[in-house]
Amino acid sequence: MARPLIKEDRAKVFVLWTPREKKLFRSFRTPMDIQRYLNRLSYNAAPTSFAPRRVITEAMAHCFEGALFAAAALRWMGHRPLIVDLVAENDDDHVIAIFRRHGRWGAIAKSNTTVLRFREPVYRTLRELALSYFDMYFNTRGEKTLRSFSRPVDLSRFDSRGWMESKEDVDYISDYLYQIPHQQILSPAMRRTLEKADPALQRAGFMGANTSGLYKPGKKRPYEKK
């Protein structure tokens, strides 16, 4: 169950949004409604960092921008605006918005693949939730690439910087994600013996993908951080 919004949260959630934006947020009855909205958006292959307001106006998002939007929408529904950073090797990192229901964790995500999106709230721990992405997290060569995950980040820490309504990019949030500790998933021995994803799963995963937004293994993009 979502926790009740405290008075300060309610003011931030209700006052900042325009009537059109409020109408959109009121249409979300469940976390899956938020996921369906993200699924309808075009995948943004550009190196931007849109705040939730710009996601609405531009009608596009990549995973980081989608996670921020989902966190803002979950906040409207009474959840804390939490995100988790999933770090990959030889692949794009992934950011998910997380929520709790019935004492279990679930997630919402925008992705250029079909298999790294919604997770039902059935996971007892955040490690379980992160591991639910492992076998589905592969690059265009079929290599399984997920390596670590962060602790939850409560985006209310950035309220004073206007992370929900800013017209400017919110790069400071992605910068913060690079600075915080991440928990490793694999031992060196595990990494050496990983199998590639099944070809049928690879085809299903990349079905409908924006090819210009797919990571090219072994080739670092100019705007990627080390």
Protein backbone atom coordinates (compact mmCIF):
# COMPACT_ATOMS: atom_id res chain seq x y z
CA MET A 1 0.00 0.00 0.00
CA ALA A 2 1.18 3.54 -0.69
CA ARG A 3 1.84 5.66 2.35
CA PRO A 4 -0.40 8.73 2.82
CA LEU A 5 1.14 11.91 1.45
CA ILE A 6 2.35 14.20 4.18
CA LYS A 7 1.18 17.80 3.97
CA GLU A 8 4.40 19.08 2.40
CA ASP A 9 4.36 16.37 -0.27
CA ARG A 10 0.74 17.06 -1.11
CA ALA A 11 1.52 20.73 -1.68
CA LYS A 12 4.43 19.89 -3.98
CA VAL A 13 2.49 17.30 -5.94
CA PHE A 14 -0.65 19.37 -6.46
CA VAL A 15 0.65 22.91 -6.80
CA LEU A 16 3.43 22.35 -9.32
CA TRP A 17 1.36 20.76 -12.06
CA THR A 18 -0.79 22.47 -14.70
CA PRO A 19 -4.46 21.47 -15.14
CA ARG A 20 -3.50 19.36 -18.18
CA GLU A 21 -0.78 17.57 -16.22
CA LYS A 22 -3.10 16.97 -13.27
CA LYS A 23 -5.66 15.43 -15.61
CA LEU A 24 -3.00 13.03 -16.88
CA PHE A 25 -1.90 12.02 -13.37
CA ARG A 26 -5.50 11.53 -12.27
CA SER A 27 -5.91 9.02 -15.10
CA PHE A 28 -3.35 6.74 -13.45
CA ARG A 29 -5.21 4.37 -11.13
CA THR A 30 -2.47 1.77 -10.75
CA PRO A 31 1.28 1.52 -11.38
CA MET A 32 0.49 -0.46 -14.53
CA ASP A 33 -1.40 2.56 -15.88
CA ILE A 34 1.85 4.53 -15.60
CA GLN A 35 3.69 1.73 -17.39
CA ARG A 36 1.17 1.69 -20.24
CA TYR A 37 1.64 5.44 -20.66
CA LEU A 38 5.42 5.03 -20.89
CA ASN A 39 5.00 2.18 -23.39
CA ARG A 40 3.07 4.52 -25.69
CA LEU A 41 5.79 7.17 -25.68
CA SER A 42 8.43 7.22 -28.41
CA TYR A 43 11.86 6.05 -27.29
CA ASN A 44 14.22 9.00 -27.00
CA ALA A 45 17.65 8.11 -28.44
CA ALA A 46 19.15 11.55 -27.73
CA PRO A 47 21.53 12.26 -24.79
CA THR A 48 18.98 14.37 -22.90
CA SER A 49 17.83 14.33 -19.28
CA PHE A 50 14.21 15.46 -19.43
CA ALA A 51 12.35 16.24 -16.22
CA PRO A 52 8.85 14.70 -15.99
CA ARG A 53 7.20 17.87 -17.30
CA ARG A 54 9.29 17.72 -20.49
CA VAL A 55 8.52 14.02 -20.91
CA ILE A 56 4.87 15.03 -21.12
CA THR A 57 5.42 17.92 -23.53
CA GLU A 58 7.91 16.07 -25.76
CA ALA A 59 5.97 12.77 -25.65
CA MET A 60 9.20 10.77 -25.56
CA ALA A 61 11.62 9.36 -23.02
CA HIS A 62 14.51 6.99 -22.53
CA CYS A 63 14.91 4.86 -19.41
CA PHE A 64 16.30 7.57 -17.13
CA GLU A 65 13.63 10.07 -18.15
CA GLY A 66 10.92 7.41 -17.94
CA ALA A 67 12.00 6.48 -14.41
CA LEU A 68 11.80 10.12 -13.29
CA PHE A 69 8.35 10.46 -14.82
CA ALA A 70 7.17 7.23 -13.20
CA ALA A 71 8.53 8.34 -9.82
CA ALA A 72 6.65 11.64 -10.11
CA ALA A 73 3.44 9.81 -11.09
CA LEU A 74 3.85 7.34 -8.24
CA ARG A 75 4.34 10.28 -5.90
CA TRP A 76 1.01 11.69 -7.07
CA MET A 77 -0.53 8.33 -6.11
CA GLY A 78 0.99 8.51 -2.63
CA HIS A 79 4.22 6.55 -3.02
CA ARG A 80 7.69 7.86 -2.30
CA PRO A 81 9.48 8.94 -5.51
CA LEU A 82 12.13 6.22 -5.56
CA ILE A 83 14.46 5.09 -8.34
CA VAL A 84 17.13 2.40 -8.57
CA ASP A 85 20.12 2.44 -10.92
CA LEU A 86 21.02 -0.81 -12.69
CA VAL A 87 24.58 -0.79 -14.04
CA ALA A 88 25.66 -2.88 -17.01
CA GLU A 89 28.94 -3.86 -18.66
CA ASN A 90 29.29 -3.30 -22.42
CA ASP A 91 25.69 -2.09 -22.52
CA ASP A 92 23.46 0.80 -21.48
CA ASP A 93 22.70 1.21 -17.80
CA HIS A 94 19.02 1.13 -16.82
CA VAL A 95 17.00 3.15 -14.29
CA ILE A 96 13.74 1.95 -12.78
CA ALA A 97 11.11 3.56 -10.56
CA ILE A 98 10.18 1.30 -7.66
CA PHE A 99 7.12 0.98 -5.44
CA ARG A 100 5.82 -1.24 -2.64
CA ARG A 101 2.46 -2.96 -2.40
CA HIS A 102 1.45 -5.60 0.15
CA GLY A 103 4.99 -5.42 1.53
CA ARG A 104 6.60 -6.41 -1.77
CA TRP A 105 8.64 -4.44 -4.31
CA GLY A 106 7.69 -3.82 -7.93
CA ALA A 107 9.02 -1.56 -10.69
CA ILE A 108 8.07 0.62 -13.64
CA ALA A 109 10.51 1.34 -16.47
CA LYS A 110 10.81 2.79 -19.95
CA SER A 111 13.00 0.62 -22.15
CA ASN A 112 14.02 0.24 -25.77
CA THR A 113 13.53 -3.50 -25.26
CA THR A 114 10.32 -5.31 -24.42
CA VAL A 115 11.70 -7.25 -21.44
CA LEU A 116 13.13 -4.59 -19.10
CA ARG A 117 9.91 -2.79 -18.20
CA PHE A 118 7.26 -3.52 -15.56
CA ARG A 119 7.76 -5.86 -12.61
CA GLU A 120 4.84 -6.99 -10.49
CA PRO A 121 5.21 -6.16 -6.77
CA VAL A 122 6.04 -9.71 -5.66
CA TYR A 123 9.72 -9.31 -4.69
CA ARG A 124 10.63 -9.39 -1.01
CA THR A 125 13.89 -7.47 -1.37
CA LEU A 126 15.42 -4.99 -3.77
CA ARG A 127 18.07 -7.56 -4.63
CA GLU A 128 15.34 -9.97 -5.72
CA LEU A 129 13.80 -7.20 -7.81
CA ALA A 130 17.12 -6.31 -9.45
CA LEU A 131 17.87 -9.98 -10.18
CA SER A 132 14.51 -10.34 -11.93
CA TYR A 133 16.07 -8.27 -14.72
CA PHE A 134 19.26 -10.34 -15.02
CA ASP A 135 18.38 -12.97 -17.63
CA MET A 136 16.50 -10.39 -19.70
CA TYR A 137 19.33 -7.84 -19.62
CA PHE A 138 21.40 -8.54 -22.74
CA ASN A 139 23.10 -6.48 -25.45
CA THR A 140 22.75 -6.86 -29.22
CA ARG A 141 25.30 -9.70 -29.16
CA GLY A 142 23.16 -11.61 -26.68
CA GLU A 143 25.64 -11.13 -23.82
CA LYS A 144 24.06 -10.87 -20.37
CA THR A 145 25.32 -7.55 -19.09
CA LEU A 146 23.74 -6.56 -15.75
CA ARG A 147 26.43 -6.22 -13.08
CA SER A 148 25.23 -4.14 -10.11
CA PHE A 149 22.40 -2.10 -8.63
CA SER A 150 22.17 0.94 -6.38
CA ARG A 151 20.29 1.53 -3.19
CA PRO A 152 16.98 3.37 -3.67
CA VAL A 153 17.29 7.10 -4.31
CA ASP A 154 14.45 9.25 -2.96
CA LEU A 155 14.07 12.02 -5.54
CA SER A 156 12.50 14.35 -2.98
CA ARG A 157 16.10 15.21 -2.09
CA PHE A 158 16.12 17.19 -5.36
CA ASP A 159 12.83 19.05 -4.80
CA SER A 160 14.60 22.34 -4.26
CA ARG A 161 16.13 22.02 -7.73
CA GLY A 162 12.80 21.44 -9.43
CA TRP A 163 13.44 17.92 -10.73
CA MET A 164 9.76 17.36 -11.57
CA GLU A 165 8.92 20.58 -13.38
CA SER A 166 12.24 21.87 -14.76
CA LYS A 167 12.43 22.92 -18.40
CA GLU A 168 16.18 22.30 -18.30
CA ASP A 169 17.92 18.93 -18.30
CA VAL A 170 18.35 17.37 -14.86
CA ASP A 171 21.83 15.92 -15.38
CA TYR A 172 22.60 16.40 -11.70
CA ILE A 173 20.44 13.37 -10.91
CA SER A 174 22.31 11.07 -13.29
CA ASP A 175 25.57 12.50 -11.92
CA TYR A 176 24.41 11.55 -8.43
CA LEU A 177 23.65 8.00 -9.55
CA TYR A 178 27.24 7.61 -10.71
CA GLN A 179 28.51 8.68 -7.29
CA ILE A 180 26.55 6.39 -4.98
CA PRO A 181 27.55 2.83 -4.02
CA HIS A 182 26.26 -0.11 -6.05
CA GLN A 183 25.96 -3.73 -4.97
CA GLN A 184 27.70 -6.25 -7.20
CA ILE A 185 25.65 -9.17 -8.50
CA LEU A 186 28.29 -11.55 -9.90
CA SER A 187 31.56 -13.01 -8.72
CA PRO A 188 34.46 -13.17 -11.22
CA ALA A 189 33.86 -16.91 -11.62
CA MET A 190 30.18 -16.34 -12.41
CA ARG A 191 31.05 -13.75 -15.04
CA ARG A 192 33.39 -16.16 -16.84
CA THR A 193 30.72 -18.83 -17.25
CA LEU A 194 27.71 -16.76 -18.35
CA GLU A 195 25.75 -18.13 -21.29
CA LYS A 196 24.29 -15.92 -24.00
CA ALA A 197 20.56 -15.18 -24.05
CA ASP A 198 18.43 -17.55 -26.10
CA PRO A 199 18.08 -16.29 -29.72
CA ALA A 200 14.27 -16.38 -29.50
CA LEU A 201 14.40 -14.21 -26.36
CA GLN A 202 16.78 -11.82 -28.11
CA ARG A 203 14.37 -11.43 -31.02
CA ALA A 204 11.46 -10.84 -28.66
CA GLY A 205 13.47 -8.42 -26.55
CA PHE A 206 14.44 -6.14 -29.43
CA MET A 207 11.10 -6.31 -31.22
CA GLY A 208 10.03 -2.79 -32.18
CA ALA A 209 13.21 -1.21 -30.80
CA ASN A 210 14.46 2.18 -31.95
CA THR A 211 17.65 0.88 -33.54
CA SER A 212 19.39 4.27 -33.30
CA GLY A 213 19.02 4.00 -29.53
CA LEU A 214 20.52 0.52 -29.15
CA TYR A 215 23.93 0.24 -27.55
CA LYS A 216 26.70 -0.88 -29.88
CA PRO A 217 28.85 -3.33 -27.87
CA GLY A 218 32.50 -2.32 -27.74
CA LYS A 219 31.83 1.21 -28.99
CA LYS A 220 31.52 3.92 -26.38
CA ARG A 221 29.15 6.74 -27.20
CA PRO A 222 30.66 10.26 -27.07
CA TYR A 223 28.33 11.37 -24.30
CA GLU A 224 28.68 8.26 -22.11
CA LYS A 225 30.32 8.64 -18.75
CA LYS A 226 33.11 6.30 -17.74
